Amino acid sequence: MQIILIQDVNNLGGANEVVTVKNGYARNFLIPQKMAVEASASNLKQLQERVKQQKKKEDKMLAEINKVIAALQEGSLNIGAKTGTSGKIFGSVTNVQISRAIREQRGYEIDRRRIQLLDEIKELGTYKAKVDFGNGNETEITIEVISE
């Protein structure tokens, strides 16, 4: 029997997939548990429409991510830090401060967990960090640490 999976099912497939299973498994478990529906003509049309809407949503999100990546790569972010006489920072610059700098200087809200520092920032200078947006979309940003 062919069914359309509504949600991911272990060892069977992911959501919005059409799979073939035994009749009893579909009728007695998958369909009553609302994990799947029968692959009728109307349900297949609904699946195509859902997939089409999902594709549109993903394309729109990808365009927004590309716009944010372009804004982040425009130039370096300036982060002020209190320093001693030798140029060492009291403490260090964290991804929370980088997230705040992106919000203030570029106007985009980036979650601090998406920012990964490539080096520990404990002195004045120029550093690199990576911002991961998921699904292979990532960019490297330049951070310039200046004295306050």
N, C-alpha and C. Protein backbone atom coordinates (compact mmCIF):
# COMPACT_ATOMS: atom_id res chain seq x y z
N MET A 1 0.84 -1.17 0.00
CA MET A 1 0.00 0.00 0.00
C MET A 1 0.89 1.24 0.00
N GLN A 2 0.56 2.21 -0.83
CA GLN A 2 1.32 3.45 -0.88
C GLN A 2 0.69 4.46 0.07
N ILE A 3 1.58 5.12 0.85
CA ILE A 3 1.12 6.13 1.79
C ILE A 3 2.01 7.37 1.68
N ILE A 4 1.51 8.49 2.20
CA ILE A 4 2.27 9.73 2.27
C ILE A 4 2.57 9.97 3.74
N LEU A 5 3.84 10.06 4.08
CA LEU A 5 4.22 10.29 5.47
C LEU A 5 3.98 11.74 5.85
N ILE A 6 3.33 11.94 6.98
CA ILE A 6 3.07 13.29 7.49
C ILE A 6 4.24 13.76 8.34
N GLN A 7 4.87 12.84 9.02
CA GLN A 7 6.03 13.18 9.85
C GLN A 7 7.12 12.14 9.62
N ASP A 8 8.31 12.41 10.12
CA ASP A 8 9.42 11.48 9.98
C ASP A 8 9.12 10.21 10.76
N VAL A 9 9.40 9.06 10.14
CA VAL A 9 9.23 7.76 10.79
C VAL A 9 10.56 7.03 10.67
N ASN A 10 11.07 6.58 11.80
CA ASN A 10 12.35 5.87 11.80
C ASN A 10 12.29 4.64 10.90
N ASN A 11 13.37 4.42 10.18
CA ASN A 11 13.55 3.27 9.29
C ASN A 11 12.52 3.20 8.17
N LEU A 12 11.83 4.32 7.88
CA LEU A 12 10.84 4.31 6.82
C LEU A 12 11.02 5.50 5.88
N GLY A 13 11.10 6.70 6.44
CA GLY A 13 11.29 7.87 5.58
C GLY A 13 10.97 9.15 6.32
N GLY A 14 11.12 10.25 5.59
CA GLY A 14 10.87 11.56 6.16
C GLY A 14 9.50 12.09 5.80
N ALA A 15 9.16 13.21 6.39
CA ALA A 15 7.87 13.85 6.12
C ALA A 15 7.76 14.20 4.64
N ASN A 16 6.53 14.12 4.12
CA ASN A 16 6.18 14.44 2.73
C ASN A 16 6.80 13.46 1.72
N GLU A 17 7.10 12.26 2.14
CA GLU A 17 7.59 11.23 1.22
C GLU A 17 6.48 10.23 0.94
N VAL A 18 6.47 9.72 -0.28
CA VAL A 18 5.53 8.65 -0.64
C VAL A 18 6.30 7.34 -0.54
N VAL A 19 5.81 6.43 0.30
CA VAL A 19 6.48 5.14 0.50
C VAL A 19 5.47 4.01 0.38
N THR A 20 5.98 2.82 0.14
CA THR A 20 5.14 1.63 0.06
C THR A 20 5.39 0.78 1.30
N VAL A 21 4.31 0.44 1.99
CA VAL A 21 4.40 -0.40 3.19
C VAL A 21 3.33 -1.49 3.11
N LYS A 22 3.40 -2.43 4.01
CA LYS A 22 2.39 -3.48 4.06
C LYS A 22 1.06 -2.89 4.52
N ASN A 23 -0.03 -3.48 4.04
CA ASN A 23 -1.37 -2.96 4.33
C ASN A 23 -1.64 -2.86 5.83
N GLY A 24 -1.31 -3.90 6.59
CA GLY A 24 -1.59 -3.91 8.02
C GLY A 24 -0.81 -2.84 8.77
N TYR A 25 0.43 -2.63 8.40
CA TYR A 25 1.25 -1.61 9.05
C TYR A 25 0.65 -0.23 8.83
N ALA A 26 0.18 0.01 7.61
CA ALA A 26 -0.41 1.32 7.31
C ALA A 26 -1.75 1.49 8.03
N ARG A 27 -2.65 0.51 7.89
CA ARG A 27 -4.00 0.64 8.45
C ARG A 27 -4.05 0.56 9.97
N ASN A 28 -3.19 -0.25 10.56
CA ASN A 28 -3.26 -0.47 12.00
C ASN A 28 -2.35 0.42 12.83
N PHE A 29 -1.30 0.99 12.21
CA PHE A 29 -0.38 1.79 13.00
C PHE A 29 -0.19 3.20 12.45
N LEU A 30 0.30 3.32 11.22
CA LEU A 30 0.68 4.64 10.70
C LEU A 30 -0.49 5.60 10.55
N ILE A 31 -1.58 5.15 9.95
CA ILE A 31 -2.72 6.04 9.72
C ILE A 31 -3.44 6.38 11.02
N PRO A 32 -3.73 5.43 11.93
CA PRO A 32 -4.38 5.82 13.20
C PRO A 32 -3.50 6.72 14.08
N GLN A 33 -2.19 6.59 14.00
CA GLN A 33 -1.28 7.42 14.79
C GLN A 33 -1.04 8.79 14.15
N LYS A 34 -1.71 9.06 13.03
CA LYS A 34 -1.58 10.32 12.29
C LYS A 34 -0.14 10.56 11.81
N MET A 35 0.54 9.46 11.50
CA MET A 35 1.88 9.57 10.95
C MET A 35 1.85 9.56 9.43
N ALA A 36 0.74 9.11 8.85
CA ALA A 36 0.66 8.99 7.40
C ALA A 36 -0.80 9.06 6.96
N VAL A 37 -0.98 9.31 5.66
CA VAL A 37 -2.29 9.25 5.02
C VAL A 37 -2.16 8.40 3.77
N GLU A 38 -3.28 7.88 3.31
CA GLU A 38 -3.27 7.05 2.12
C GLU A 38 -2.92 7.91 0.91
N ALA A 39 -2.18 7.34 -0.03
CA ALA A 39 -1.71 8.08 -1.21
C ALA A 39 -2.78 8.11 -2.29
N SER A 40 -3.91 8.77 -2.02
CA SER A 40 -4.97 8.92 -3.02
C SER A 40 -4.63 10.10 -3.93
N ALA A 41 -5.41 10.26 -4.99
CA ALA A 41 -5.15 11.34 -5.95
C ALA A 41 -5.23 12.71 -5.28
N SER A 42 -6.24 12.92 -4.45
CA SER A 42 -6.39 14.23 -3.80
C SER A 42 -5.27 14.48 -2.79
N ASN A 43 -4.89 13.44 -2.06
CA ASN A 43 -3.79 13.60 -1.10
C ASN A 43 -2.46 13.87 -1.80
N LEU A 44 -2.26 13.27 -2.98
CA LEU A 44 -1.05 13.53 -3.74
C LEU A 44 -1.01 14.98 -4.24
N LYS A 45 -2.18 15.51 -4.64
CA LYS A 45 -2.24 16.92 -5.06
C LYS A 45 -1.92 17.84 -3.89
N GLN A 46 -2.46 17.51 -2.72
CA GLN A 46 -2.16 18.30 -1.53
C GLN A 46 -0.67 18.25 -1.20
N LEU A 47 -0.07 17.08 -1.36
CA LEU A 47 1.37 16.93 -1.13
C LEU A 47 2.17 17.82 -2.08
N GLN A 48 1.80 17.81 -3.36
CA GLN A 48 2.49 18.65 -4.33
C GLN A 48 2.38 20.12 -3.96
N GLU A 49 1.20 20.55 -3.53
CA GLU A 49 1.00 21.94 -3.14
C GLU A 49 1.82 22.29 -1.90
N ARG A 50 1.87 21.36 -0.92
CA ARG A 50 2.68 21.58 0.30
C ARG A 50 4.16 21.71 -0.05
N VAL A 51 4.63 20.84 -0.93
CA VAL A 51 6.03 20.87 -1.33
C VAL A 51 6.34 22.17 -2.07
N LYS A 52 5.40 22.61 -2.91
CA LYS A 52 5.58 23.85 -3.65
C LYS A 52 5.65 25.04 -2.70
N GLN A 53 4.77 25.08 -1.70
CA GLN A 53 4.78 26.16 -0.71
C GLN A 53 6.07 26.15 0.11
N GLN A 54 6.51 24.95 0.48
CA GLN A 54 7.76 24.81 1.24
C GLN A 54 8.95 25.32 0.42
N LYS A 55 8.96 25.02 -0.87
CA LYS A 55 10.04 25.46 -1.75
C LYS A 55 10.05 26.98 -1.84
N LYS A 56 8.88 27.60 -1.96
CA LYS A 56 8.80 29.06 -2.00
C LYS A 56 9.34 29.68 -0.72
N LYS A 57 8.95 29.08 0.40
CA LYS A 57 9.39 29.58 1.70
C LYS A 57 10.91 29.48 1.84
N GLU A 58 11.48 28.35 1.40
CA GLU A 58 12.93 28.15 1.48
C GLU A 58 13.67 29.13 0.57
N ASP A 59 13.12 29.39 -0.64
CA ASP A 59 13.75 30.35 -1.55
C ASP A 59 13.74 31.75 -0.96
N LYS A 60 12.63 32.12 -0.32
CA LYS A 60 12.53 33.44 0.30
C LYS A 60 13.53 33.56 1.46
N MET A 61 13.66 32.49 2.25
CA MET A 61 14.59 32.51 3.37
C MET A 61 16.03 32.56 2.87
N LEU A 62 16.34 31.85 1.79
CA LEU A 62 17.68 31.86 1.23
C LEU A 62 18.04 33.24 0.70
N ALA A 63 17.08 33.93 0.09
CA ALA A 63 17.33 35.30 -0.39
C ALA A 63 17.62 36.23 0.79
N GLU A 64 16.89 36.06 1.88
CA GLU A 64 17.12 36.88 3.08
C GLU A 64 18.50 36.59 3.68
N ILE A 65 18.88 35.31 3.72
CA ILE A 65 20.20 34.93 4.25
C ILE A 65 21.31 35.53 3.39
N ASN A 66 21.14 35.49 2.07
CA ASN A 66 22.16 36.06 1.18
C ASN A 66 22.28 37.57 1.37
N LYS A 67 21.15 38.24 1.66
CA LYS A 67 21.17 39.68 1.91
C LYS A 67 21.94 39.98 3.21
N VAL A 68 21.73 39.15 4.23
CA VAL A 68 22.43 39.33 5.51
C VAL A 68 23.92 39.05 5.32
N ILE A 69 24.25 38.02 4.57
CA ILE A 69 25.66 37.69 4.32
C ILE A 69 26.36 38.85 3.60
N ALA A 70 25.69 39.44 2.61
CA ALA A 70 26.28 40.58 1.89
C ALA A 70 26.50 41.76 2.83
N ALA A 71 25.55 42.00 3.74
CA ALA A 71 25.69 43.11 4.69
C ALA A 71 26.84 42.85 5.66
N LEU A 72 27.02 41.59 6.08
CA LEU A 72 28.09 41.27 7.02
C LEU A 72 29.47 41.37 6.39
N GLN A 73 29.55 41.15 5.09
CA GLN A 73 30.85 41.17 4.41
C GLN A 73 31.25 42.56 3.92
N GLU A 74 30.41 43.58 4.16
CA GLU A 74 30.72 44.93 3.68
C GLU A 74 32.03 45.47 4.24
N GLY A 75 32.26 45.26 5.50
CA GLY A 75 33.49 45.77 6.10
C GLY A 75 33.67 45.13 7.45
N SER A 76 34.65 45.61 8.19
CA SER A 76 34.89 45.00 9.49
C SER A 76 33.99 45.62 10.55
N LEU A 77 33.71 44.85 11.57
CA LEU A 77 32.94 45.32 12.73
C LEU A 77 33.92 45.91 13.74
N ASN A 78 33.59 47.05 14.28
CA ASN A 78 34.43 47.66 15.30
C ASN A 78 33.85 47.35 16.67
N ILE A 79 34.69 46.80 17.53
CA ILE A 79 34.28 46.48 18.89
C ILE A 79 35.26 47.18 19.83
N GLY A 80 34.70 48.00 20.70
CA GLY A 80 35.53 48.70 21.67
C GLY A 80 35.75 47.86 22.91
N ALA A 81 36.95 47.91 23.45
CA ALA A 81 37.28 47.15 24.65
C ALA A 81 38.21 47.96 25.53
N LYS A 82 38.06 47.80 26.83
CA LYS A 82 38.97 48.47 27.77
C LYS A 82 40.30 47.72 27.79
N THR A 83 41.38 48.48 27.71
CA THR A 83 42.69 47.84 27.62
C THR A 83 43.64 48.42 28.65
N GLY A 84 44.67 47.68 28.89
CA GLY A 84 45.75 48.14 29.75
C GLY A 84 46.77 48.90 28.91
N THR A 85 47.89 49.24 29.51
CA THR A 85 48.91 50.01 28.80
C THR A 85 49.62 49.20 27.73
N SER A 86 49.63 47.88 27.85
CA SER A 86 50.34 47.05 26.88
C SER A 86 49.47 46.63 25.69
N GLY A 87 48.22 47.05 25.66
CA GLY A 87 47.33 46.69 24.55
C GLY A 87 46.53 45.43 24.80
N LYS A 88 46.68 44.85 25.97
CA LYS A 88 45.88 43.67 26.31
C LYS A 88 44.52 44.11 26.80
N ILE A 89 43.52 43.31 26.47
CA ILE A 89 42.14 43.60 26.86
C ILE A 89 41.89 43.05 28.26
N PHE A 90 41.13 43.80 29.05
CA PHE A 90 40.67 43.28 30.34
C PHE A 90 39.56 42.27 30.03
N GLY A 91 39.81 41.00 30.18
CA GLY A 91 38.85 39.95 29.81
C GLY A 91 39.10 39.55 28.38
N SER A 92 38.01 39.30 27.63
CA SER A 92 38.14 38.96 26.22
C SER A 92 36.85 39.34 25.51
N VAL A 93 36.91 39.39 24.18
CA VAL A 93 35.74 39.68 23.37
C VAL A 93 35.03 38.35 23.12
N THR A 94 33.73 38.31 23.38
CA THR A 94 32.96 37.08 23.23
C THR A 94 31.98 37.20 22.06
N ASN A 95 31.35 36.08 21.73
CA ASN A 95 30.38 36.10 20.65
C ASN A 95 29.13 36.91 21.02
N VAL A 96 28.87 37.13 22.30
CA VAL A 96 27.76 38.00 22.71
C VAL A 96 28.05 39.44 22.29
N GLN A 97 29.27 39.90 22.50
CA GLN A 97 29.65 41.24 22.10
C GLN A 97 29.63 41.39 20.57
N ILE A 98 30.03 40.34 19.87
CA ILE A 98 30.02 40.38 18.41
C ILE A 98 28.57 40.45 17.91
N SER A 99 27.69 39.69 18.53
CA SER A 99 26.28 39.72 18.16
C SER A 99 25.69 41.11 18.39
N ARG A 100 26.03 41.73 19.50
CA ARG A 100 25.57 43.08 19.81
C ARG A 100 26.11 44.08 18.78
N ALA A 101 27.39 43.92 18.38
CA ALA A 101 27.99 44.82 17.39
C ALA A 101 27.32 44.67 16.03
N ILE A 102 26.96 43.46 15.65
CA ILE A 102 26.26 43.24 14.38
C ILE A 102 24.90 43.94 14.42
N ARG A 103 24.21 43.80 15.54
CA ARG A 103 22.89 44.42 15.68
C ARG A 103 23.00 45.95 15.59
N GLU A 104 24.00 46.53 16.24
CA GLU A 104 24.14 47.98 16.27
C GLU A 104 24.71 48.56 14.97
N GLN A 105 25.66 47.85 14.35
CA GLN A 105 26.34 48.41 13.19
C GLN A 105 25.73 48.00 11.86
N ARG A 106 25.12 46.82 11.79
CA ARG A 106 24.55 46.34 10.53
C ARG A 106 23.02 46.27 10.56
N GLY A 107 22.43 46.25 11.74
CA GLY A 107 20.98 46.23 11.84
C GLY A 107 20.34 44.85 11.75
N TYR A 108 21.12 43.79 11.91
CA TYR A 108 20.59 42.43 11.86
C TYR A 108 20.79 41.74 13.19
N GLU A 109 19.79 40.99 13.59
CA GLU A 109 19.85 40.24 14.85
C GLU A 109 20.39 38.84 14.54
N ILE A 110 21.59 38.55 15.02
CA ILE A 110 22.21 37.23 14.83
C ILE A 110 22.35 36.59 16.20
N ASP A 111 21.87 35.35 16.31
CA ASP A 111 21.96 34.63 17.58
C ASP A 111 23.42 34.36 17.90
N ARG A 112 23.79 34.57 19.15
CA ARG A 112 25.19 34.41 19.57
C ARG A 112 25.69 32.99 19.35
N ARG A 113 24.80 32.00 19.37
CA ARG A 113 25.23 30.61 19.18
C ARG A 113 25.61 30.31 17.74
N ARG A 114 25.24 31.17 16.82
CA ARG A 114 25.60 30.98 15.41
C ARG A 114 26.98 31.56 15.09
N ILE A 115 27.55 32.29 16.03
CA ILE A 115 28.85 32.93 15.82
C ILE A 115 29.93 32.08 16.46
N GLN A 116 30.95 31.76 15.67
CA GLN A 116 32.05 30.95 16.17
C GLN A 116 33.35 31.74 16.00
N LEU A 117 34.03 31.97 17.10
CA LEU A 117 35.31 32.68 17.05
C LEU A 117 36.39 31.72 16.56
N LEU A 118 37.21 32.19 15.63
CA LEU A 118 38.28 31.34 15.12
C LEU A 118 39.51 31.42 16.00
N ASP A 119 39.71 32.57 16.65
CA ASP A 119 40.82 32.76 17.59
C ASP A 119 40.26 33.39 18.86
N GLU A 120 40.95 33.19 19.96
CA GLU A 120 40.55 33.85 21.20
C GLU A 120 40.99 35.31 21.11
N ILE A 121 40.09 36.22 21.43
CA ILE A 121 40.38 37.65 21.28
C ILE A 121 40.72 38.22 22.64
N LYS A 122 42.02 38.46 22.87
CA LYS A 122 42.48 38.99 24.15
C LYS A 122 43.36 40.23 23.99
N GLU A 123 43.60 40.63 22.74
CA GLU A 123 44.42 41.81 22.48
C GLU A 123 43.76 42.65 21.40
N LEU A 124 44.22 43.88 21.25
CA LEU A 124 43.73 44.74 20.17
C LEU A 124 44.20 44.18 18.84
N GLY A 125 43.41 44.40 17.79
CA GLY A 125 43.81 43.94 16.47
C GLY A 125 42.62 43.51 15.64
N THR A 126 42.92 42.82 14.55
CA THR A 126 41.90 42.35 13.62
C THR A 126 41.80 40.83 13.73
N TYR A 127 40.56 40.34 13.82
CA TYR A 127 40.31 38.91 13.99
C TYR A 127 39.21 38.47 13.03
N LYS A 128 39.07 37.16 12.90
CA LYS A 128 38.04 36.57 12.04
C LYS A 128 37.10 35.74 12.91
N ALA A 129 35.83 35.72 12.49
CA ALA A 129 34.83 34.86 13.13
C ALA A 129 33.94 34.31 12.02
N LYS A 130 33.30 33.19 12.30
CA LYS A 130 32.44 32.54 11.32
C LYS A 130 31.00 32.60 11.81
N VAL A 131 30.08 32.95 10.91
CA VAL A 131 28.65 32.97 11.22
C VAL A 131 28.00 31.87 10.39
N ASP A 132 27.36 30.91 11.07
CA ASP A 132 26.74 29.77 10.40
C ASP A 132 25.23 29.95 10.43
N PHE A 133 24.60 30.02 9.25
CA PHE A 133 23.16 30.19 9.15
C PHE A 133 22.44 28.85 8.97
N GLY A 134 23.17 27.76 8.89
CA GLY A 134 22.57 26.44 8.70
C GLY A 134 22.47 26.09 7.22
N ASN A 135 22.30 24.83 6.93
CA ASN A 135 22.17 24.31 5.56
C ASN A 135 23.35 24.70 4.67
N GLY A 136 24.54 24.79 5.24
CA GLY A 136 25.72 25.10 4.45
C GLY A 136 25.91 26.57 4.15
N ASN A 137 25.04 27.42 4.65
CA ASN A 137 25.17 28.87 4.44
C ASN A 137 25.96 29.45 5.61
N GLU A 138 27.18 29.87 5.31
CA GLU A 138 28.01 30.47 6.35
C GLU A 138 28.89 31.54 5.71
N THR A 139 29.35 32.44 6.56
CA THR A 139 30.23 33.51 6.09
C THR A 139 31.27 33.80 7.15
N GLU A 140 32.36 34.38 6.72
CA GLU A 140 33.41 34.77 7.64
C GLU A 140 33.38 36.29 7.75
N ILE A 141 33.40 36.80 8.97
CA ILE A 141 33.37 38.24 9.19
C ILE A 141 34.68 38.69 9.81
N THR A 142 35.02 39.95 9.59
CA THR A 142 36.23 40.55 10.13
C THR A 142 35.85 41.43 11.31
N ILE A 143 36.55 41.27 12.42
CA ILE A 143 36.29 42.02 13.64
C ILE A 143 37.53 42.81 13.96
N GLU A 144 37.36 44.10 14.16
CA GLU A 144 38.47 44.96 14.56
C GLU A 144 38.24 45.40 15.99
N VAL A 145 39.15 45.00 16.87
CA VAL A 145 39.05 45.35 18.28
C VAL A 145 39.86 46.61 18.50
N ILE A 146 39.18 47.67 18.99
CA ILE A 146 39.83 48.95 19.21
C ILE A 146 39.72 49.32 20.69
N SER A 147 40.56 50.22 21.11
CA SER A 147 40.57 50.63 22.50
C SER A 147 39.48 51.67 22.74
N GLU A 148 38.80 51.56 23.86
CA GLU A 148 37.76 52.53 24.21
C GLU A 148 38.36 53.77 24.80
